[in-house]
Amino acid sequence: MISALTGGHPLSTNINKELAISAENKQIAMGVGSQRAAVVNKNLRESYDVVRENAPSTTIIGNIGAPQIEYAKDATSLIEADALAVHLNPLQEIIQPEGDVNAKGYIKDLEMICDEIDIPVVAKETGAGISKEDARILEKIGINTIDIQGSGGTSWAAVETYRAENTELGNLFWNWGIPTAISTIETLDNVSLPVISSGGIRNGLEAAKAIALGASCVGIGLPFLKHSYHGHEYTEKQIEKFTTELKTAMFLVGASNIKELQEKNIVISGKTREYLNEIGINTKKYARRNE
């Protein structure tokens, strides 16, 4: 899927339009950036309206922040969303000069959103990953899917560091978070929910690895954002390239479909194995799936 990227600014209208056309033509899901701006200011809605206008039949995922429960229904109706992502970004907020660092009530707000809207709710991190403890809480309160978005991709701490006058805090926490591969395994090992693996996935081979770990879907952001400036035709070529890379990896391991890829033996090594073993996850079971 095309991960949540942008919206709420006039310059983002064309970006979302090109991405939406690509998503529709290739029938892949697409997320939008935080919709708070458009719910509050109707003059900014065009950058979101353009998504459903150009992607009438593919899956579109709305987006609000965890404390913004009052925006949930308006956000979903604005783009006729098929699902709603609720983003969790405490790291970004604490580095952001004007950030909201009051995280009290996040869990209660998430639970109320799950109760109040009639489409699936996706709990979405924004670059710091999901731990096993958080995953269990999210499943318990009714979240339908978890987008782990681990560290290794775009660092929103870094983005906010460029905006801040005092850069010391941002530089210190620039790479904070659980790496994507580890967060994917940690989450899947503790809940039965579908997991979207995202955060630094840049090609089809990396996607194949995430799916082999058990992810139901992979999210890609930055590469598609860059391609969108050249138009949807160029973005679609990149989607085709990505698909070819994924299929090549599947061919080489003898997987004719996604389910078979998820069942293949995989060897986890290095720091990833050390980390997982330390938190009680036996990585040997991944290498012995078919015994």
C-alpha atoms as a PDB file:
ATOM      1  CA  MET A   1       0.000   0.000   0.000  1.00  0.00           C
ATOM      2  CA  ILE A   2       0.942   3.641  -0.385  1.00  0.00           C
ATOM      3  CA  SER A   3       1.485   4.773   3.200  1.00  0.00           C
ATOM      4  CA  ALA A   4      -0.052   7.943   4.591  1.00  0.00           C
ATOM      5  CA  LEU A   5       1.952  10.875   3.263  1.00  0.00           C
ATOM      6  CA  THR A   6       0.371  14.274   2.941  1.00  0.00           C
ATOM      7  CA  GLY A   7      -2.652  16.566   2.768  1.00  0.00           C
ATOM      8  CA  GLY A   8      -3.934  19.819   4.207  1.00  0.00           C
ATOM      9  CA  HIS A   9      -1.769  22.118   2.086  1.00  0.00           C
ATOM     10  CA  PRO A  10      -2.398  23.445  -1.440  1.00  0.00           C
ATOM     11  CA  LEU A  11       0.884  21.969  -2.703  1.00  0.00           C
ATOM     12  CA  SER A  12      -0.172  18.496  -1.575  1.00  0.00           C
ATOM     13  CA  THR A  13      -3.279  18.449  -3.776  1.00  0.00           C
ATOM     14  CA  ASN A  14      -1.448  17.399  -6.933  1.00  0.00           C
ATOM     15  CA  ILE A  15       0.691  14.896  -5.022  1.00  0.00           C
ATOM     16  CA  ASN A  16      -2.389  13.155  -3.651  1.00  0.00           C
ATOM     17  CA  LYS A  17      -4.050  13.295  -7.066  1.00  0.00           C
ATOM     18  CA  GLU A  18      -1.157  11.532  -8.796  1.00  0.00           C
ATOM     19  CA  LEU A  19      -0.845   8.962  -6.031  1.00  0.00           C
ATOM     20  CA  ALA A  20      -4.595   8.298  -6.118  1.00  0.00           C
ATOM     21  CA  ILE A  21      -4.587   7.738  -9.882  1.00  0.00           C
ATOM     22  CA  SER A  22      -1.710   5.290  -9.445  1.00  0.00           C
ATOM     23  CA  ALA A  23      -3.467   3.487  -6.616  1.00  0.00           C
ATOM     24  CA  GLU A  24      -6.646   3.182  -8.665  1.00  0.00           C
ATOM     25  CA  ASN A  25      -4.924   1.994 -11.829  1.00  0.00           C
ATOM     26  CA  LYS A  26      -2.858  -0.593  -9.942  1.00  0.00           C
ATOM     27  CA  GLN A  27      -5.561  -1.415  -7.386  1.00  0.00           C
ATOM     28  CA  ILE A  28      -3.417  -0.992  -4.310  1.00  0.00           C
ATOM     29  CA  ALA A  29      -4.493   0.662  -1.072  1.00  0.00           C
ATOM     30  CA  MET A  30      -3.585   4.258  -0.256  1.00  0.00           C
ATOM     31  CA  GLY A  31      -3.448   6.192   2.989  1.00  0.00           C
ATOM     32  CA  VAL A  32      -3.726   9.960   3.341  1.00  0.00           C
ATOM     33  CA  GLY A  33      -1.911  12.274   5.717  1.00  0.00           C
ATOM     34  CA  SER A  34      -3.487  13.592   8.907  1.00  0.00           C
ATOM     35  CA  GLN A  35      -6.948  15.000   8.130  1.00  0.00           C
ATOM     36  CA  ARG A  36      -7.175  17.281  11.113  1.00  0.00           C
ATOM     37  CA  ALA A  37      -6.442  20.371   9.039  1.00  0.00           C
ATOM     38  CA  ALA A  38      -9.268  19.653   6.587  1.00  0.00           C
ATOM     39  CA  VAL A  39     -11.814  18.856   9.296  1.00  0.00           C
ATOM     40  CA  VAL A  40     -11.033  22.150  11.043  1.00  0.00           C
ATOM     41  CA  ASN A  41     -10.668  24.253   7.880  1.00  0.00           C
ATOM     42  CA  LYS A  42     -12.973  23.453   4.947  1.00  0.00           C
ATOM     43  CA  ASN A  43     -10.756  25.495   2.628  1.00  0.00           C
ATOM     44  CA  LEU A  44      -8.115  22.761   2.880  1.00  0.00           C
ATOM     45  CA  ARG A  45     -10.380  19.884   1.877  1.00  0.00           C
ATOM     46  CA  GLU A  46      -9.460  19.866  -1.793  1.00  0.00           C
ATOM     47  CA  SER A  47      -6.154  18.114  -1.090  1.00  0.00           C
ATOM     48  CA  TYR A  48      -8.155  15.209   0.381  1.00  0.00           C
ATOM     49  CA  ASP A  49     -11.247  15.322  -1.861  1.00  0.00           C
ATOM     50  CA  VAL A  50      -8.984  14.702  -4.833  1.00  0.00           C
ATOM     51  CA  VAL A  51      -8.094  11.229  -3.509  1.00  0.00           C
ATOM     52  CA  ARG A  52     -11.522   9.599  -3.733  1.00  0.00           C
ATOM     53  CA  GLU A  53     -12.317  11.516  -6.912  1.00  0.00           C
ATOM     54  CA  ASN A  54      -9.384   9.826  -8.623  1.00  0.00           C
ATOM     55  CA  ALA A  55      -9.540   6.493  -6.812  1.00  0.00           C
ATOM     56  CA  PRO A  56     -13.233   5.552  -6.776  1.00  0.00           C
ATOM     57  CA  SER A  57     -12.815   1.799  -6.294  1.00  0.00           C
ATOM     58  CA  THR A  58      -9.581   1.104  -4.440  1.00  0.00           C
ATOM     59  CA  THR A  59      -9.091   0.975  -0.676  1.00  0.00           C
ATOM     60  CA  ILE A  60      -8.548   4.408   0.864  1.00  0.00           C
ATOM     61  CA  ILE A  61      -7.493   4.814   4.496  1.00  0.00           C
ATOM     62  CA  GLY A  62      -8.266   7.990   6.431  1.00  0.00           C
ATOM     63  CA  ASN A  63      -6.019   9.408   9.142  1.00  0.00           C
ATOM     64  CA  ILE A  64      -6.377  11.247  12.447  1.00  0.00           C
ATOM     65  CA  GLY A  65      -4.322  11.515  15.617  1.00  0.00           C
ATOM     66  CA  ALA A  66      -5.127   9.497  18.736  1.00  0.00           C
ATOM     67  CA  PRO A  67      -6.409  12.494  20.778  1.00  0.00           C
ATOM     68  CA  GLN A  68      -8.655  13.690  17.927  1.00  0.00           C
ATOM     69  CA  ILE A  69     -11.634  11.433  18.540  1.00  0.00           C
ATOM     70  CA  GLU A  70     -14.051  14.221  17.659  1.00  0.00           C
ATOM     71  CA  TYR A  71     -12.679  14.258  14.092  1.00  0.00           C
ATOM     72  CA  ALA A  72     -13.109  10.525  13.404  1.00  0.00           C
ATOM     73  CA  LYS A  73     -16.500  10.547  11.679  1.00  0.00           C
ATOM     74  CA  ASP A  74     -15.827  13.700   9.640  1.00  0.00           C
ATOM     75  CA  ALA A  75     -12.455  12.345   8.521  1.00  0.00           C
ATOM     76  CA  THR A  76     -13.939   9.092   7.237  1.00  0.00           C
ATOM     77  CA  SER A  77     -16.879  10.735   5.463  1.00  0.00           C
ATOM     78  CA  LEU A  78     -14.646  13.375   3.863  1.00  0.00           C
ATOM     79  CA  ILE A  79     -12.897  10.804   1.661  1.00  0.00           C
ATOM     80  CA  GLU A  80     -15.435   7.960   1.913  1.00  0.00           C
ATOM     81  CA  ALA A  81     -12.727   5.999   3.698  1.00  0.00           C
ATOM     82  CA  ASP A  82     -12.717   2.203   3.782  1.00  0.00           C
ATOM     83  CA  ALA A  83     -10.710   2.243   7.018  1.00  0.00           C
ATOM     84  CA  LEU A  84      -9.386   4.826   9.464  1.00  0.00           C
ATOM     85  CA  ALA A  85      -5.780   4.984  10.609  1.00  0.00           C
ATOM     86  CA  VAL A  86      -5.243   6.547  14.011  1.00  0.00           C
ATOM     87  CA  HIS A  87      -1.642   7.661  14.197  1.00  0.00           C
ATOM     88  CA  LEU A  88       0.504   7.490  17.308  1.00  0.00           C
ATOM     89  CA  ASN A  89       3.374   9.981  17.209  1.00  0.00           C
ATOM     90  CA  PRO A  90       4.603  10.853  20.708  1.00  0.00           C
ATOM     91  CA  LEU A  91       8.220  11.026  19.527  1.00  0.00           C
ATOM     92  CA  GLN A  92       7.368  13.549  16.826  1.00  0.00           C
ATOM     93  CA  GLU A  93       5.234  15.605  19.194  1.00  0.00           C
ATOM     94  CA  ILE A  94       7.921  15.927  21.855  1.00  0.00           C
ATOM     95  CA  ILE A  95      10.536  17.089  19.308  1.00  0.00           C
ATOM     96  CA  GLN A  96       8.071  19.402  17.533  1.00  0.00           C
ATOM     97  CA  PRO A  97       8.339  23.003  18.775  1.00  0.00           C
ATOM     98  CA  GLU A  98       4.544  23.319  19.151  1.00  0.00           C
ATOM     99  CA  GLY A  99       3.964  19.616  19.876  1.00  0.00           C
ATOM    100  CA  ASP A 100       1.246  18.197  22.140  1.00  0.00           C
ATOM    101  CA  VAL A 101       3.030  16.127  24.793  1.00  0.00           C
ATOM    102  CA  ASN A 102      -0.066  15.205  26.796  1.00  0.00           C
ATOM    103  CA  ALA A 103      -0.536  11.517  25.972  1.00  0.00           C
ATOM    104  CA  LYS A 104      -2.977  10.808  28.792  1.00  0.00           C
ATOM    105  CA  GLY A 105      -6.124   9.041  27.639  1.00  0.00           C
ATOM    106  CA  TYR A 106      -4.728   7.718  24.335  1.00  0.00           C
ATOM    107  CA  ILE A 107      -5.975   4.193  25.000  1.00  0.00           C
ATOM    108  CA  LYS A 108      -9.442   5.360  26.053  1.00  0.00           C
ATOM    109  CA  ASP A 109      -9.705   7.580  22.972  1.00  0.00           C
ATOM    110  CA  LEU A 110      -8.682   4.718  20.677  1.00  0.00           C
ATOM    111  CA  GLU A 111     -11.251   2.432  22.257  1.00  0.00           C
ATOM    112  CA  MET A 112     -14.000   5.027  21.804  1.00  0.00           C
ATOM    113  CA  ILE A 113     -13.069   5.495  18.139  1.00  0.00           C
ATOM    114  CA  CYS A 114     -13.333   1.727  17.615  1.00  0.00           C
ATOM    115  CA  ASP A 115     -16.809   1.810  19.177  1.00  0.00           C
ATOM    116  CA  GLU A 116     -18.083   4.868  17.320  1.00  0.00           C
ATOM    117  CA  ILE A 117     -17.241   4.211  13.671  1.00  0.00           C
ATOM    118  CA  ASP A 118     -18.374   1.302  11.526  1.00  0.00           C
ATOM    119  CA  ILE A 119     -15.227   0.774   9.451  1.00  0.00           C
ATOM    120  CA  PRO A 120     -11.971  -0.954  10.458  1.00  0.00           C
ATOM    121  CA  VAL A 121      -9.579   1.027  12.659  1.00  0.00           C
ATOM    122  CA  VAL A 122      -5.832   0.825  12.084  1.00  0.00           C
ATOM    123  CA  ALA A 123      -3.466   1.800  14.888  1.00  0.00           C
ATOM    124  CA  LYS A 124      -0.512   3.375  13.109  1.00  0.00           C
ATOM    125  CA  GLU A 125       2.890   4.260  14.515  1.00  0.00           C
ATOM    126  CA  THR A 126       4.943   6.905  12.744  1.00  0.00           C
ATOM    127  CA  GLY A 127       8.505   5.665  12.781  1.00  0.00           C
ATOM    128  CA  ALA A 128       9.134   4.355  16.305  1.00  0.00           C
ATOM    129  CA  GLY A 129       7.582   0.886  16.035  1.00  0.00           C
ATOM    130  CA  ILE A 130       5.100  -1.060  18.178  1.00  0.00           C
ATOM    131  CA  SER A 131       6.188  -3.151  21.160  1.00  0.00           C
ATOM    132  CA  LYS A 132       4.591  -6.434  22.191  1.00  0.00           C
ATOM    133  CA  GLU A 133       3.024  -4.762  25.235  1.00  0.00           C
ATOM    134  CA  ASP A 134       1.416  -2.057  23.116  1.00  0.00           C
ATOM    135  CA  ALA A 135       0.257  -4.611  20.547  1.00  0.00           C
ATOM    136  CA  ARG A 136      -1.584  -6.579  23.222  1.00  0.00           C
ATOM    137  CA  ILE A 137      -3.324  -3.442  24.483  1.00  0.00           C
ATOM    138  CA  LEU A 138      -4.366  -2.443  20.975  1.00  0.00           C
ATOM    139  CA  GLU A 139      -5.865  -5.852  20.281  1.00  0.00           C
ATOM    140  CA  LYS A 140      -7.705  -5.825  23.597  1.00  0.00           C
ATOM    141  CA  ILE A 141      -9.451  -2.491  22.969  1.00  0.00           C
ATOM    142  CA  GLY A 142     -10.762  -3.489  19.546  1.00  0.00           C
ATOM    143  CA  ILE A 143      -8.195  -2.282  17.001  1.00  0.00           C
ATOM    144  CA  ASN A 144      -8.606  -4.196  13.724  1.00  0.00           C
ATOM    145  CA  THR A 145      -5.111  -3.834  12.238  1.00  0.00           C
ATOM    146  CA  ILE A 146      -1.711  -2.596  13.420  1.00  0.00           C
ATOM    147  CA  ASP A 147       0.651  -0.636  11.173  1.00  0.00           C
ATOM    148  CA  ILE A 148       3.901  -0.956  13.100  1.00  0.00           C
ATOM    149  CA  GLN A 149       5.932   1.584  11.076  1.00  0.00           C
ATOM    150  CA  GLY A 150       9.235   0.905  12.789  1.00  0.00           C
ATOM    151  CA  SER A 151      12.467   2.849  12.762  1.00  0.00           C
ATOM    152  CA  GLY A 152      14.622   2.630   9.663  1.00  0.00           C
ATOM    153  CA  GLY A 153      12.543   4.761   7.343  1.00  0.00           C
ATOM    154  CA  THR A 154      11.703   8.456   7.542  1.00  0.00           C
ATOM    155  CA  SER A 155      12.513   9.839  10.979  1.00  0.00           C
ATOM    156  CA  TRP A 156       9.896  12.343  12.084  1.00  0.00           C
ATOM    157  CA  ALA A 157      12.176  13.255  14.959  1.00  0.00           C
ATOM    158  CA  ALA A 158      14.643  14.320  12.273  1.00  0.00           C
ATOM    159  CA  VAL A 159      11.976  16.274  10.376  1.00  0.00           C
ATOM    160  CA  GLU A 160      11.008  18.189  13.500  1.00  0.00           C
ATOM    161  CA  THR A 161      14.671  18.757  14.377  1.00  0.00           C
ATOM    162  CA  TYR A 162      15.037  20.773  11.171  1.00  0.00           C
ATOM    163  CA  ARG A 163      12.099  22.926  12.296  1.00  0.00           C
ATOM    164  CA  ALA A 164      13.270  23.455  15.878  1.00  0.00           C
ATOM    165  CA  GLU A 165      15.495  26.271  17.085  1.00  0.00           C
ATOM    166  CA  ASN A 166      17.125  24.006  19.654  1.00  0.00           C
ATOM    167  CA  THR A 167      18.246  20.859  17.822  1.00  0.00           C
ATOM    168  CA  GLU A 168      19.917  19.009  20.712  1.00  0.00           C
ATOM    169  CA  LEU A 169      16.866  16.926  21.710  1.00  0.00           C
ATOM    170  CA  GLY A 170      16.043  15.968  18.135  1.00  0.00           C
ATOM    171  CA  ASN A 171      19.616  14.993  17.341  1.00  0.00           C
ATOM    172  CA  LEU A 172      19.756  12.814  20.443  1.00  0.00           C
ATOM    173  CA  PHE A 173      16.528  10.939  19.585  1.00  0.00           C
ATOM    174  CA  TRP A 174      16.986  11.047  15.799  1.00  0.00           C
ATOM    175  CA  ASN A 175      17.038   7.228  15.463  1.00  0.00           C
ATOM    176  CA  TRP A 176      14.862   6.329  18.448  1.00  0.00           C
ATOM    177  CA  GLY A 177      12.518   3.375  18.048  1.00  0.00           C
ATOM    178  CA  ILE A 178      12.122  -0.343  17.418  1.00  0.00           C
ATOM    179  CA  PRO A 179      13.519  -1.407  14.019  1.00  0.00           C
ATOM    180  CA  THR A 180      10.868  -2.472  11.506  1.00  0.00           C
ATOM    181  CA  ALA A 181      11.794  -6.166  11.277  1.00  0.00           C
ATOM    182  CA  ILE A 182      11.900  -6.531  15.058  1.00  0.00           C
ATOM    183  CA  SER A 183       8.619  -4.681  15.604  1.00  0.00           C
ATOM    184  CA  THR A 184       6.939  -6.801  12.916  1.00  0.00           C
ATOM    185  CA  ILE A 185       7.979 -10.046  14.619  1.00  0.00           C
ATOM    186  CA  GLU A 186       7.337  -8.734  18.133  1.00  0.00           C
ATOM    187  CA  THR A 187       3.787  -7.709  17.209  1.00  0.00           C
ATOM    188  CA  LEU A 188       2.909 -10.831  15.230  1.00  0.00           C
ATOM    189  CA  ASP A 189       4.250 -13.062  18.012  1.00  0.00           C
ATOM    190  CA  ASN A 190       1.837 -11.538  20.517  1.00  0.00           C
ATOM    191  CA  VAL A 191      -1.437 -10.763  18.722  1.00  0.00           C
ATOM    192  CA  SER A 192      -3.625 -12.389  16.092  1.00  0.00           C
ATOM    193  CA  LEU A 193      -4.379  -9.150  14.222  1.00  0.00           C
ATOM    194  CA  PRO A 194      -3.319  -8.407  10.636  1.00  0.00           C
ATOM    195  CA  VAL A 195      -0.082  -6.434  10.620  1.00  0.00           C
ATOM    196  CA  ILE A 196       1.102  -3.840   8.116  1.00  0.00           C
ATOM    197  CA  SER A 197       4.898  -3.751   8.066  1.00  0.00           C
ATOM    198  CA  SER A 198       6.281  -0.340   7.161  1.00  0.00           C
ATOM    199  CA  GLY A 199       9.230   1.866   7.914  1.00  0.00           C
ATOM    200  CA  GLY A 200      12.144   1.846   5.485  1.00  0.00           C
ATOM    201  CA  ILE A 201      10.806  -0.729   3.024  1.00  0.00           C
ATOM    202  CA  ARG A 202      12.189   0.458  -0.279  1.00  0.00           C
ATOM    203  CA  ASN A 203      11.900  -2.473  -2.715  1.00  0.00           C
ATOM    204  CA  GLY A 204      10.144  -5.744  -3.424  1.00  0.00           C
ATOM    205  CA  LEU A 205      12.833  -7.896  -1.810  1.00  0.00           C
ATOM    206  CA  GLU A 206      12.453  -6.059   1.499  1.00  0.00           C
ATOM    207  CA  ALA A 207       8.687  -6.466   1.151  1.00  0.00           C
ATOM    208  CA  ALA A 208       9.136 -10.205   0.601  1.00  0.00           C
ATOM    209  CA  LYS A 209      11.131 -10.448   3.831  1.00  0.00           C
ATOM    210  CA  ALA A 210       8.418  -8.610   5.778  1.00  0.00           C
ATOM    211  CA  ILE A 211       5.689 -10.840   4.358  1.00  0.00           C
ATOM    212  CA  ALA A 212       7.779 -13.946   5.069  1.00  0.00           C
ATOM    213  CA  LEU A 213       7.872 -12.807   8.698  1.00  0.00           C
ATOM    214  CA  GLY A 214       4.064 -12.871   8.640  1.00  0.00           C
ATOM    215  CA  ALA A 215       2.977  -9.358   7.660  1.00  0.00           C
ATOM    216  CA  SER A 216      -0.312  -9.158   5.748  1.00  0.00           C
ATOM    217  CA  CYS A 217       0.728  -6.014   3.907  1.00  0.00           C
ATOM    218  CA  VAL A 218       3.670  -3.647   3.480  1.00  0.00           C
ATOM    219  CA  GLY A 219       3.495   0.121   3.426  1.00  0.00           C
ATOM    220  CA  ILE A 220       5.774   2.328   1.340  1.00  0.00           C
ATOM    221  CA  GLY A 221       5.934   6.095   1.653  1.00  0.00           C
ATOM    222  CA  LEU A 222       9.017   8.060   0.655  1.00  0.00           C
ATOM    223  CA  PRO A 223       9.744   6.351  -2.711  1.00  0.00           C
ATOM    224  CA  PHE A 224       6.202   6.925  -3.954  1.00  0.00           C
ATOM    225  CA  LEU A 225       6.253  10.507  -2.703  1.00  0.00           C
ATOM    226  CA  LYS A 226       9.343  11.192  -4.797  1.00  0.00           C
ATOM    227  CA  HIS A 227       7.870   9.501  -7.863  1.00  0.00           C
ATOM    228  CA  SER A 228       4.590  11.416  -7.604  1.00  0.00           C
ATOM    229  CA  TYR A 229       6.349  14.644  -8.607  1.00  0.00           C
ATOM    230  CA  HIS A 230       6.952  13.097 -12.037  1.00  0.00           C
ATOM    231  CA  GLY A 231       3.313  12.086 -12.523  1.00  0.00           C
ATOM    232  CA  HIS A 232       1.244   8.964 -12.013  1.00  0.00           C
ATOM    233  CA  GLU A 233       2.697   7.177 -15.053  1.00  0.00           C
ATOM    234  CA  TYR A 234       6.136   7.235 -13.459  1.00  0.00           C
ATOM    235  CA  THR A 235       4.724   6.142 -10.105  1.00  0.00           C
ATOM    236  CA  GLU A 236       2.942   3.234 -11.770  1.00  0.00           C
ATOM    237  CA  LYS A 237       6.199   2.116 -13.382  1.00  0.00           C
ATOM    238  CA  GLN A 238       7.765   2.047  -9.931  1.00  0.00           C
ATOM    239  CA  ILE A 239       4.851  -0.013  -8.605  1.00  0.00           C
ATOM    240  CA  GLU A 240       5.386  -2.458 -11.471  1.00  0.00           C
ATOM    241  CA  LYS A 241       9.113  -2.598 -10.678  1.00  0.00           C
ATOM    242  CA  PHE A 242       8.346  -3.232  -7.030  1.00  0.00           C
ATOM    243  CA  THR A 243       5.909  -6.016  -7.947  1.00  0.00           C
ATOM    244  CA  THR A 244       8.475  -7.660 -10.226  1.00  0.00           C
ATOM    245  CA  GLU A 245      11.028  -7.623  -7.403  1.00  0.00           C
ATOM    246  CA  LEU A 246       8.528  -9.183  -4.998  1.00  0.00           C
ATOM    247  CA  LYS A 247       7.529 -11.882  -7.495  1.00  0.00           C
ATOM    248  CA  THR A 248      11.187 -12.647  -8.216  1.00  0.00           C
ATOM    249  CA  ALA A 249      11.868 -13.248  -4.527  1.00  0.00           C
ATOM    250  CA  MET A 250       8.777 -15.465  -4.335  1.00  0.00           C
ATOM    251  CA  PHE A 251       9.888 -17.429  -7.399  1.00  0.00           C
ATOM    252  CA  LEU A 252      13.350 -18.016  -5.952  1.00  0.00           C
ATOM    253  CA  VAL A 253      11.969 -19.465  -2.692  1.00  0.00           C
ATOM    254  CA  GLY A 254       9.243 -21.470  -4.422  1.00  0.00           C
ATOM    255  CA  ALA A 255       6.232 -19.474  -3.199  1.00  0.00           C
ATOM    256  CA  SER A 256       3.380 -19.258  -5.702  1.00  0.00           C
ATOM    257  CA  ASN A 257       1.247 -17.004  -3.498  1.00  0.00           C
ATOM    258  CA  ILE A 258       1.446 -14.802  -0.403  1.00  0.00           C
ATOM    259  CA  LYS A 259       0.278 -17.536   1.965  1.00  0.00           C
ATOM    260  CA  GLU A 260       3.099 -19.827   0.825  1.00  0.00           C
ATOM    261  CA  LEU A 261       5.614 -17.010   1.254  1.00  0.00           C
ATOM    262  CA  GLN A 262       4.422 -16.502   4.840  1.00  0.00           C
ATOM    263  CA  GLU A 263       5.123 -20.181   5.547  1.00  0.00           C
ATOM    264  CA  LYS A 264       8.677 -20.367   4.190  1.00  0.00           C
ATOM    265  CA  ASN A 265      11.621 -21.072   6.468  1.00  0.00           C
ATOM    266  CA  ILE A 266      13.652 -17.953   7.225  1.00  0.00           C
ATOM    267  CA  VAL A 267      16.871 -17.526   9.165  1.00  0.00           C
ATOM    268  CA  ILE A 268      17.078 -14.528  11.486  1.00  0.00           C
ATOM    269  CA  SER A 269      20.604 -13.519  12.401  1.00  0.00           C
ATOM    270  CA  GLY A 270      22.775 -10.755  13.842  1.00  0.00           C
ATOM    271  CA  LYS A 271      21.461  -7.989  16.065  1.00  0.00           C
ATOM    272  CA  THR A 272      17.872  -8.753  15.110  1.00  0.00           C
ATOM    273  CA  ARG A 273      18.192 -12.268  16.522  1.00  0.00           C
ATOM    274  CA  GLU A 274      19.981 -11.001  19.634  1.00  0.00           C
ATOM    275  CA  TYR A 275      17.263  -8.422  20.296  1.00  0.00           C
ATOM    276  CA  LEU A 276      14.406 -10.902  19.793  1.00  0.00           C
ATOM    277  CA  ASN A 277      16.047 -13.568  21.942  1.00  0.00           C
ATOM    278  CA  GLU A 278      16.518 -11.029  24.725  1.00  0.00           C
ATOM    279  CA  ILE A 279      12.788 -10.271  24.817  1.00  0.00           C
ATOM    280  CA  GLY A 280      11.901 -13.947  24.862  1.00  0.00           C
ATOM    281  CA  ILE A 281      11.176 -14.730  21.213  1.00  0.00           C
ATOM    282  CA  ASN A 282      12.787 -17.949  19.996  1.00  0.00           C
ATOM    283  CA  THR A 283      13.923 -17.190  16.444  1.00  0.00           C
ATOM    284  CA  LYS A 284      14.719 -20.835  15.692  1.00  0.00           C
ATOM    285  CA  LYS A 285      11.046 -21.531  15.081  1.00  0.00           C
ATOM    286  CA  TYR A 286      11.163 -19.363  11.945  1.00  0.00           C
ATOM    287  CA  ALA A 287      13.915 -21.502  10.451  1.00  0.00           C
ATOM    288  CA  ARG A 288      12.048 -24.732  11.274  1.00  0.00           C
ATOM    289  CA  ARG A 289       8.519 -23.949  10.167  1.00  0.00           C
ATOM    290  CA  ASN A 290       8.288 -26.945   7.848  1.00  0.00           C
ATOM    291  CA  GLU A 291       9.729 -29.604  10.158  1.00  0.00           C
END
